[in-house]
C-alpha cells in the first residue's frame, strides 16, 4: 500500500489523515499539503503502517514547530524520542 493523504477542516484547524507507508519519497507531497493550509495543522497517524528515519526526523520537526501528532503509534513516538535524545538531525 502506498500513502494516502486526506485533509479535513475542523473547528480548530486542519487535520491531515495519513494511511499506509510514509517513507521519504512522499515527504515533498506531504510538506506541500501542510504548506497549503493556513490554519493550525494536526497530523493523524493512526493508519500509518511504516515509516523510515527521514520521516521520523520530519515528524520531530513538525512537532517541534507546534504541530500535533494525533494517534501516533508507540513505535514512532519512541523512535522520535530516541532521535531527539541522541541529537539526530531533527
Protein backbone atom coordinates (compact mmCIF):
# COMPACT_ATOMS: atom_id res chain seq x y z
CA UNK A 1 0.00 0.00 0.00
CA UNK A 2 1.21 3.47 -0.79
CA UNK A 3 0.49 6.63 1.14
CA UNK A 4 -2.99 8.13 1.25
CA UNK A 5 -3.40 11.76 2.37
CA UNK A 6 -6.79 13.20 3.35
CA UNK A 7 -7.32 16.74 4.62
CA UNK A 8 -10.34 17.83 6.59
CA UNK A 9 -11.23 21.11 8.24
CA UNK A 10 -12.29 21.15 11.86
CA UNK A 11 -13.16 23.98 14.22
CA UNK A 12 -9.58 24.45 15.41
CA UNK A 13 -7.77 23.99 12.08
CA UNK A 14 -6.96 21.22 9.64
CA UNK A 15 -6.38 17.53 10.24
CA UNK A 16 -4.21 15.70 7.72
CA UNK A 17 -5.00 11.99 7.95
CA UNK A 18 -2.29 9.68 6.70
CA UNK A 19 -2.62 6.00 5.97
CA UNK A 20 -0.25 3.42 4.57
CA UNK A 21 3.50 3.60 4.24
CA UNK A 22 5.01 7.02 4.91
CA UNK A 23 8.56 6.98 3.55
CA UNK A 24 10.97 9.70 2.42
CA UNK A 25 9.75 9.73 -1.18
CA UNK A 26 6.37 11.12 -0.03
CA UNK A 27 7.71 13.90 2.21
CA UNK A 28 7.65 16.50 -0.55
CA UNK A 29 3.98 15.90 -1.23
CA UNK A 30 3.15 15.90 2.47
CA UNK A 31 5.09 19.14 3.02
CA UNK A 32 3.10 20.75 0.17
CA UNK A 33 -0.17 19.66 1.76
CA UNK A 34 0.92 21.16 5.06
CA UNK A 35 2.14 24.40 3.46
CA UNK A 36 -1.10 24.85 1.53
CA UNK A 37 -3.08 25.12 4.74
CA UNK A 38 -3.01 28.47 6.52
CA UNK A 39 -4.70 27.04 9.59
CA UNK A 40 -3.32 25.12 12.56
CA UNK A 41 -2.50 21.60 11.42
CA UNK A 42 -2.56 18.23 13.15
CA UNK A 43 -1.26 15.03 11.58
CA UNK A 44 -3.35 11.93 12.27
CA UNK A 45 -1.02 8.93 12.14
CA UNK A 46 -3.49 6.26 13.28
CA UNK A 47 -3.36 4.31 10.00
CA UNK A 48 0.37 4.61 9.30
CA UNK A 49 1.94 1.17 8.89
CA UNK A 50 5.58 2.03 8.19
CA UNK A 51 7.95 4.99 8.44
CA UNK A 52 11.65 5.47 7.80
CA UNK A 53 14.33 7.59 9.50
CA UNK A 54 13.76 10.64 7.27
CA UNK A 55 10.08 10.59 8.19
CA UNK A 56 10.90 10.33 11.91
CA UNK A 57 13.09 13.43 11.59
CA UNK A 58 10.34 15.22 9.63
CA UNK A 59 7.71 14.38 12.25
CA UNK A 60 10.01 15.54 15.04
CA UNK A 61 10.50 18.88 13.27
CA UNK A 62 6.74 19.21 12.75
CA UNK A 63 6.10 18.56 16.41
CA UNK A 64 8.84 20.99 17.46
CA UNK A 65 7.14 23.63 15.29
CA UNK A 66 3.91 23.14 17.26
CA UNK A 67 2.10 20.64 15.06
CA UNK A 68 0.15 17.97 16.93
CA UNK A 69 0.70 14.30 16.10
CA UNK A 70 -2.63 12.56 16.69
CA UNK A 71 -2.87 8.80 17.30
CA UNK A 72 0.90 8.46 16.93
CA UNK A 73 1.84 4.75 17.12
CA UNK A 74 4.03 3.90 20.11
CA UNK A 75 6.96 2.75 17.96
CA UNK A 76 7.03 6.08 16.09
CA UNK A 77 6.74 8.06 19.35
CA UNK A 78 9.63 6.06 20.84
CA UNK A 79 11.75 6.49 17.70
CA UNK A 80 11.18 10.27 17.69
CA UNK A 81 12.12 10.38 21.37
CA UNK A 82 15.33 8.39 20.80
CA UNK A 83 16.34 10.57 17.86
CA UNK A 84 15.71 13.72 19.91
CA UNK A 85 17.74 12.30 22.83
CA UNK A 86 20.72 11.38 20.70
CA UNK A 87 20.70 14.69 18.85
CA UNK A 88 19.77 13.24 15.48
CA UNK A 89 19.41 15.64 12.56
CA UNK A 90 15.93 16.58 13.66
